[in-house]
Amino acid sequence: MNILWVSGTDAAGDTGVAADAIAAVWRDQGHHLVHWPLTGERLYTPAAFEEQRPPLSPTPRRPGRVALLGAMRRTLPNFDAVMVEQDLDTEFRVLEVLGTSRRRPRRWLMARWPLGSYLAGRGEHVSRRPRRQAEVLYPHFHAVFTLVTGTADDLAAQFGVPQRRLITLPWPLPAWATPSEPAAMLPRVVTWGEATGLKGVEVLVQGLAALGQQDIPASLLMVGGGARSQEVARVAEALKVPVTILPPSAAAFAEVARGGVFHAPQWLDGTGVDLVLGAAAGLPLTAVAAPEAAAELLAQGSLGRLVGLGSLESLTATLAPLLTDQAAWSGYHRAAGIVRAQHTADHVAGHWARGLAYASDEA
């Protein structure tokens, strides 16, 4: 099958890692995949795609609507299927183009968010139009892939996507996500993903500063960077919290796997890619009790603990024993390896093969 994977946004570091790993599985199964970023930059390098189309513009600026539609009309009908990453703009344009195309490839969506919660957080005056667009257009995707069941449930309940078109699958770890040596209990906290406004890294920095005042010093390792990373670095410097920022890569994962505690500070998350990477590195997990991914992964308490949303007291109380108590750290550390085993490419390849076959047949 000839598949085009359209990336409509640069703010998709976590999803980019998952996309590349999924592409590797599909490529190994004999499919041809082309990656097409619509802007000039990405937070990851897609290695598993056979081709990468140049963006519409050499700059990160999004193309205008007319230019975008014209490029899509020339490009999309040449493929058997088009997978588009959710950004509340590109997916609507893809449906608009393919709805009038003489040759109509399969229309697939990679849904990243619990969309109802995300739009509610943006406010009614901002979210009314994209919500209405999603309600009208999302049911026209032949298949919607999600990485956690909560995201699928949200799309069915609030946006009318038929259950038969929702496919929730475990994502395969990339080949480089293999620890070279056992993780250790280190006085540091690790995050993975772009430092956007949704990420909430500044709150984590405040929590680490508060722990320092309790004689529990800890540094911060951020993997992902992003436009707000320097703002986070300035806050950390002012609060005397040591911080290191690394771009996503195999080398960054190896550094993460040296040890520490992995924390997902975001208040909204629909993929859980960062938490799975933290578990694959062998680290105990903590996360803000946000909707969907964190709640699903940590609900049973074997991998780590959930932190109260916006509560510095809950954050520090959760991190303190994991940074100071070897027994507490080791208990969660041992469970992390189970997640790694459940997300190896060999383990999930059959799931994605069946999901792809089902998505190809769904009308």
Protein backbone atom coordinates (compact mmCIF):
# COMPACT_ATOMS: atom_id res chain seq x y z
CA MET A 1 0.00 0.00 0.00
CA ASN A 2 1.20 3.52 -0.86
CA ILE A 3 0.59 5.77 2.19
CA LEU A 4 1.12 9.52 2.61
CA TRP A 5 1.60 10.72 6.21
CA VAL A 6 0.77 14.44 6.51
CA SER A 7 2.16 16.41 9.47
CA GLY A 8 0.30 19.64 9.91
CA THR A 9 2.14 21.05 12.92
CA ASP A 10 5.58 21.30 14.44
CA ALA A 11 4.16 20.95 17.95
CA ALA A 12 4.06 17.17 17.72
CA GLY A 13 7.34 15.89 19.12
CA ASP A 14 5.74 12.98 20.96
CA THR A 15 3.48 12.07 18.06
CA GLY A 16 6.43 12.35 15.70
CA VAL A 17 8.30 9.66 17.61
CA ALA A 18 5.23 7.41 17.47
CA ALA A 19 4.67 8.14 13.76
CA ASP A 20 8.21 7.13 12.91
CA ALA A 21 7.91 3.90 14.90
CA ILE A 22 4.56 3.04 13.30
CA ALA A 23 6.03 3.78 9.86
CA ALA A 24 8.89 1.39 10.58
CA VAL A 25 6.43 -1.41 11.35
CA TRP A 26 4.38 -0.73 8.22
CA ARG A 27 7.50 -0.48 6.07
CA ASP A 28 8.69 -3.86 7.38
CA GLN A 29 5.30 -5.24 6.32
CA GLY A 30 5.94 -4.13 2.73
CA HIS A 31 4.10 -0.79 2.59
CA HIS A 32 5.54 2.37 1.05
CA LEU A 33 5.33 5.48 3.24
CA VAL A 34 5.96 9.10 2.36
CA HIS A 35 6.23 11.79 5.06
CA TRP A 36 5.03 15.30 4.16
CA PRO A 37 5.53 18.03 6.77
CA LEU A 38 3.57 21.14 5.81
CA THR A 39 5.95 23.48 7.64
CA GLY A 40 9.69 23.85 7.54
CA GLU A 41 10.71 22.24 10.81
CA ARG A 42 10.05 19.12 12.87
CA LEU A 43 11.15 18.10 16.34
CA TYR A 44 12.25 14.70 15.11
CA THR A 45 13.91 13.20 12.06
CA PRO A 46 11.63 10.69 10.34
CA ALA A 47 13.99 7.83 9.56
CA ALA A 48 11.43 5.10 8.87
CA PHE A 49 9.72 6.76 5.89
CA GLU A 50 11.00 5.90 2.41
CA GLU A 51 10.63 9.49 1.24
CA GLN A 52 10.19 12.92 2.75
CA ARG A 53 8.45 15.53 0.64
CA PRO A 54 9.81 19.06 0.94
CA PRO A 55 7.52 21.42 2.84
CA LEU A 56 5.53 24.05 0.99
CA SER A 57 7.84 26.73 2.34
CA PRO A 58 11.45 26.69 3.59
CA THR A 59 10.28 28.61 6.67
CA PRO A 60 8.27 27.29 9.65
CA ARG A 61 5.40 29.59 8.69
CA ARG A 62 2.23 27.74 7.78
CA PRO A 63 1.22 28.00 4.10
CA GLY A 64 -1.84 30.00 3.09
CA ARG A 65 -5.12 28.20 2.56
CA VAL A 66 -5.11 28.52 -1.23
CA ALA A 67 -1.52 27.27 -1.55
CA LEU A 68 -2.24 24.41 0.83
CA LEU A 69 -5.39 23.28 -0.99
CA GLY A 70 -3.65 23.47 -4.36
CA ALA A 71 -0.72 21.37 -3.18
CA MET A 72 -3.05 18.82 -1.63
CA ARG A 73 -5.18 18.51 -4.78
CA ARG A 74 -2.03 17.70 -6.76
CA THR A 75 -0.60 15.31 -4.17
CA LEU A 76 -3.22 13.43 -2.15
CA PRO A 77 -5.02 11.53 -4.96
CA ASN A 78 -1.74 9.81 -5.91
CA PHE A 79 -1.81 7.65 -2.77
CA ASP A 80 -3.85 4.68 -1.61
CA ALA A 81 -4.32 6.22 1.85
CA VAL A 82 -3.61 9.53 3.56
CA MET A 83 -2.85 9.64 7.29
CA VAL A 84 -3.08 13.15 8.73
CA GLU A 85 -1.94 14.22 12.20
CA GLN A 86 -4.58 16.12 14.16
CA ASP A 87 -4.02 19.86 14.47
CA LEU A 88 -7.57 21.25 14.02
CA ASP A 89 -6.79 22.64 10.61
CA THR A 90 -4.90 20.27 8.31
CA GLU A 91 -7.32 17.38 8.79
CA PHE A 92 -10.24 19.61 7.74
CA ARG A 93 -8.36 20.67 4.59
CA VAL A 94 -7.58 17.03 3.74
CA LEU A 95 -11.24 16.11 3.99
CA GLU A 96 -12.20 19.15 1.91
CA VAL A 97 -9.81 18.16 -0.89
CA LEU A 98 -10.58 14.45 -0.89
CA GLY A 99 -14.32 15.10 -0.78
CA THR A 100 -14.11 16.60 -4.27
CA SER A 101 -11.33 14.45 -5.70
CA ARG A 102 -12.15 12.10 -8.56
CA ARG A 103 -9.81 9.46 -7.12
CA ARG A 104 -10.37 9.11 -3.41
CA PRO A 105 -7.75 7.43 -1.25
CA ARG A 106 -8.56 6.20 2.22
CA ARG A 107 -8.87 9.05 4.73
CA TRP A 108 -7.24 8.32 8.10
CA LEU A 109 -6.64 10.48 11.17
CA MET A 110 -4.04 10.08 13.91
CA ALA A 111 -5.89 11.63 16.85
CA ARG A 112 -3.56 13.10 19.47
CA TRP A 113 -5.94 14.68 21.96
CA PRO A 114 -9.00 14.10 24.11
CA LEU A 115 -10.55 16.75 21.89
CA GLY A 116 -13.49 17.63 24.12
CA SER A 117 -11.21 18.49 27.05
CA TYR A 118 -8.77 20.34 24.81
CA LEU A 119 -11.45 22.56 23.27
CA ALA A 120 -13.06 23.19 26.65
CA GLY A 121 -9.71 24.42 27.92
CA ARG A 122 -9.44 26.89 25.03
CA GLY A 123 -12.72 28.56 25.92
CA GLU A 124 -16.04 28.65 24.10
CA HIS A 125 -15.25 31.82 22.14
CA VAL A 126 -12.16 30.15 20.64
CA SER A 127 -13.34 26.55 20.32
CA ARG A 128 -16.86 26.95 18.90
CA ARG A 129 -15.81 26.87 15.21
CA PRO A 130 -13.30 23.96 15.36
CA ARG A 131 -15.72 21.98 17.52
CA ARG A 132 -18.46 22.39 14.94
CA GLN A 133 -16.04 21.47 12.14
CA ALA A 134 -14.97 18.34 14.00
CA GLU A 135 -18.59 17.34 14.68
CA VAL A 136 -19.43 17.66 10.98
CA LEU A 137 -16.25 16.33 9.38
CA TYR A 138 -14.64 13.77 11.73
CA PRO A 139 -17.27 11.09 11.03
CA HIS A 140 -16.12 11.19 7.38
CA PHE A 141 -12.72 9.69 8.16
CA HIS A 142 -12.60 6.04 7.14
CA ALA A 143 -10.58 5.31 10.28
CA VAL A 144 -9.29 7.23 13.30
CA PHE A 145 -6.23 5.80 15.03
CA THR A 146 -5.69 6.57 18.71
CA LEU A 147 -3.05 5.41 21.20
CA VAL A 148 -5.28 5.38 24.30
CA THR A 149 -8.91 4.36 24.67
CA GLY A 150 -9.97 7.61 26.36
CA THR A 151 -9.24 9.61 23.23
CA ALA A 152 -11.36 7.22 21.17
CA ASP A 153 -14.20 7.36 23.69
CA ASP A 154 -14.13 11.17 23.59
CA LEU A 155 -14.39 11.24 19.79
CA ALA A 156 -17.30 8.81 19.83
CA ALA A 157 -19.23 10.54 22.62
CA GLN A 158 -18.70 14.18 21.69
CA PHE A 159 -17.96 14.24 17.96
CA GLY A 160 -20.06 11.46 16.49
CA VAL A 161 -17.24 9.30 15.14
CA PRO A 162 -18.70 5.80 14.70
CA GLN A 163 -17.18 3.23 17.04
CA ARG A 164 -16.42 0.92 14.12
CA ARG A 165 -14.05 3.55 12.71
CA LEU A 166 -12.07 4.04 15.92
CA ILE A 167 -8.91 1.93 16.18
CA THR A 168 -6.91 2.06 19.42
CA LEU A 169 -3.53 0.35 19.25
CA PRO A 170 -0.36 0.21 21.36
CA TRP A 171 2.42 2.12 19.65
CA PRO A 172 5.73 0.41 18.89
CA LEU A 173 8.89 1.70 20.54
CA PRO A 174 11.50 2.91 18.05
CA ALA A 175 14.59 0.76 17.68
CA TRP A 176 16.74 3.25 19.58
CA ALA A 177 14.56 3.10 22.73
CA THR A 178 16.63 0.34 24.32
CA PRO A 179 18.55 1.08 27.53
CA SER A 180 22.26 0.29 27.23
CA GLU A 181 22.54 -0.31 30.98
CA PRO A 182 20.15 -0.51 33.94
CA ALA A 183 18.74 2.80 35.12
CA ALA A 184 19.93 4.17 38.44
CA MET A 185 18.37 6.24 41.18
CA LEU A 186 19.68 9.72 40.36
CA PRO A 187 18.72 13.08 41.91
CA ARG A 188 17.00 14.35 38.80
CA VAL A 189 13.62 14.52 37.09
CA VAL A 190 13.19 13.92 33.36
CA THR A 191 10.52 15.18 30.94
CA TRP A 192 10.06 14.43 27.23
CA GLY A 193 8.24 16.61 24.70
CA GLU A 194 8.09 20.17 23.47
CA ALA A 195 7.80 22.83 26.18
CA THR A 196 4.47 24.26 25.08
CA GLY A 197 1.93 26.07 27.22
CA LEU A 198 0.12 22.75 27.71
CA LYS A 199 3.23 21.07 29.06
CA GLY A 200 3.36 22.88 32.39
CA VAL A 201 7.11 22.49 32.88
CA GLU A 202 7.29 25.78 34.81
CA VAL A 203 5.18 24.23 37.58
CA LEU A 204 7.60 21.32 37.74
CA VAL A 205 10.52 23.74 38.06
CA GLN A 206 8.76 25.44 40.98
CA GLY A 207 8.27 22.03 42.58
CA LEU A 208 11.96 21.18 42.25
CA ALA A 209 12.85 24.53 43.77
CA ALA A 210 10.55 23.77 46.71
CA LEU A 211 12.22 20.36 47.15
CA GLY A 212 15.61 22.11 47.20
CA GLN A 213 14.40 24.21 50.11
CA GLN A 214 13.60 20.91 51.88
CA ASP A 215 17.21 19.77 51.36
CA ILE A 216 16.21 17.46 48.48
CA PRO A 217 18.15 18.96 45.56
CA ALA A 218 17.27 17.67 42.08
CA SER A 219 18.11 18.73 38.55
CA LEU A 220 15.80 18.78 35.51
CA LEU A 221 16.49 17.05 32.18
CA MET A 222 14.17 18.25 29.39
CA VAL A 223 14.11 16.33 26.12
CA GLY A 224 12.34 18.19 23.35
CA GLY A 225 13.11 21.87 23.58
CA GLY A 226 10.56 24.04 21.80
CA ALA A 227 9.90 27.76 21.68
CA ARG A 228 9.23 28.02 25.41
CA SER A 229 12.25 26.00 26.53
CA GLN A 230 14.40 29.09 27.02
CA GLU A 231 11.66 30.66 29.13
CA VAL A 232 11.69 27.51 31.27
CA ALA A 233 15.49 27.75 31.50
CA ARG A 234 15.23 31.36 32.73
CA VAL A 235 12.70 30.37 35.40
CA ALA A 236 14.94 27.49 36.46
CA GLU A 237 17.98 29.75 36.67
CA ALA A 238 16.09 32.27 38.80
CA LEU A 239 14.97 29.47 41.15
CA LYS A 240 18.45 27.86 41.17
CA VAL A 241 17.27 24.59 39.62
CA PRO A 242 19.91 23.02 37.33
CA VAL A 243 18.38 22.27 33.93
CA THR A 244 19.64 20.51 30.79
CA ILE A 245 17.76 20.69 27.47
CA LEU A 246 18.38 18.04 24.78
CA PRO A 247 16.76 17.53 21.36
CA PRO A 248 14.93 14.21 20.88
CA SER A 249 17.33 11.55 19.62
CA ALA A 250 18.77 8.14 20.38
CA ALA A 251 21.53 9.85 22.35
CA ALA A 252 18.95 11.74 24.41
CA PHE A 253 17.15 8.49 25.20
CA ALA A 254 20.44 6.93 26.32
CA GLU A 255 20.94 9.88 28.66
CA VAL A 256 17.39 9.51 30.01
CA ALA A 257 18.02 5.81 30.62
CA ARG A 258 20.91 6.61 32.97
CA GLY A 259 18.27 7.12 35.64
CA GLY A 260 16.14 9.44 37.71
CA VAL A 261 12.37 9.92 37.89
CA PHE A 262 10.24 10.53 34.80
CA HIS A 263 7.50 13.17 35.15
CA ALA A 264 4.76 14.12 32.68
CA PRO A 265 3.73 17.64 33.79
CA GLN A 266 1.11 18.33 31.11
CA TRP A 267 -2.49 18.95 32.09
CA LEU A 268 -3.78 17.51 28.81
CA ASP A 269 -2.47 14.44 27.02
CA GLY A 270 -3.99 11.98 24.60
CA THR A 271 -1.01 9.87 23.51
CA GLY A 272 1.11 8.90 26.52
CA VAL A 273 4.15 8.59 24.26
CA ASP A 274 6.40 10.40 26.72
CA LEU A 275 5.33 8.15 29.61
CA VAL A 276 5.93 4.99 27.59
CA LEU A 277 9.40 6.28 26.65
CA GLY A 278 10.09 6.95 30.33
CA ALA A 279 9.01 3.44 31.26
CA ALA A 280 11.07 1.99 28.40
CA ALA A 281 14.09 3.78 29.85
CA GLY A 282 13.42 2.00 33.14
CA LEU A 283 12.36 5.04 35.17
CA PRO A 284 9.59 5.28 37.75
CA LEU A 285 6.73 7.40 36.39
CA THR A 286 4.85 10.33 37.82
CA ALA A 287 2.30 12.46 35.98
CA VAL A 288 -0.27 15.16 36.49
CA ALA A 289 -3.70 13.58 36.86
CA ALA A 290 -4.67 14.79 33.39
CA PRO A 291 -7.29 13.21 31.17
CA GLU A 292 -6.73 10.06 29.16
CA ALA A 293 -3.15 8.76 28.83
CA ALA A 294 -1.72 9.40 32.29
CA ALA A 295 -4.87 8.15 34.00
CA GLU A 296 -4.88 4.96 31.91
CA LEU A 297 -1.20 4.15 32.43
CA LEU A 298 -0.93 5.00 36.13
CA ALA A 299 -4.41 4.22 37.43
CA GLN A 300 -3.34 0.91 38.98
CA GLY A 301 -0.36 2.45 40.78
CA SER A 302 2.21 -0.16 39.76
CA LEU A 303 4.21 2.11 37.43
CA GLY A 304 4.15 5.28 39.49
CA ARG A 305 1.83 7.89 40.90
CA LEU A 306 -0.52 10.61 39.73
CA VAL A 307 -0.04 14.17 40.97
CA GLY A 308 -2.86 16.56 41.73
CA LEU A 309 -3.44 19.08 38.95
CA GLY A 310 -1.86 22.42 39.86
CA SER A 311 -0.85 21.26 43.35
CA LEU A 312 2.78 21.96 44.30
CA GLU A 313 2.21 20.15 47.58
CA SER A 314 1.08 17.00 45.79
CA LEU A 315 3.98 17.26 43.33
CA THR A 316 6.67 17.59 45.98
CA ALA A 317 5.11 14.89 48.18
CA THR A 318 5.10 12.50 45.21
CA LEU A 319 8.63 13.22 43.99
CA ALA A 320 10.38 13.39 47.38
CA PRO A 321 10.41 9.64 48.20
CA LEU A 322 11.37 8.70 44.65
CA LEU A 323 14.39 11.01 44.86
CA THR A 324 15.49 9.90 48.32
CA ASP A 325 14.23 6.36 49.05
CA GLN A 326 15.87 3.51 47.13
CA ALA A 327 13.11 1.07 48.10
CA ALA A 328 10.34 3.36 46.80
CA TRP A 329 12.27 4.04 43.59
CA SER A 330 13.09 0.36 42.95
CA GLY A 331 9.49 -0.81 43.29
CA TYR A 332 8.31 1.37 40.43
CA HIS A 333 11.52 0.84 38.47
CA ARG A 334 10.96 -2.92 38.27
CA ALA A 335 7.43 -2.46 36.90
CA ALA A 336 8.62 -0.11 34.14
CA GLY A 337 10.21 -3.00 32.24
CA ILE A 338 6.78 -4.56 31.76
CA VAL A 339 5.68 -1.57 29.68
CA ARG A 340 8.82 -1.80 27.57
CA ALA A 341 8.03 -5.43 26.75
CA GLN A 342 4.44 -4.56 25.81
CA HIS A 343 5.55 -1.89 23.32
CA THR A 344 8.34 -3.61 21.40
CA ALA A 345 7.90 -3.52 17.63
CA ASP A 346 7.72 -7.31 17.44
CA HIS A 347 5.00 -7.44 20.09
CA VAL A 348 2.72 -4.82 18.51
CA ALA A 349 3.42 -5.41 14.80
CA GLY A 350 0.53 -7.85 14.50
CA HIS A 351 -1.84 -5.32 16.08
CA TRP A 352 -0.88 -2.67 13.52
CA ALA A 353 -1.10 -5.12 10.62
CA ARG A 354 -4.65 -6.03 11.64
CA GLY A 355 -5.49 -2.36 12.28
CA LEU A 356 -4.22 -1.36 8.87
CA ALA A 357 -6.18 -4.16 7.18
CA TYR A 358 -9.34 -3.13 9.03
CA ALA A 359 -8.82 0.57 8.19
CA SER A 360 -8.30 -0.32 4.53
CA ASP A 361 -11.58 -2.21 4.39
CA GLU A 362 -13.68 0.28 6.38
CA ALA A 363 -15.95 2.37 4.16
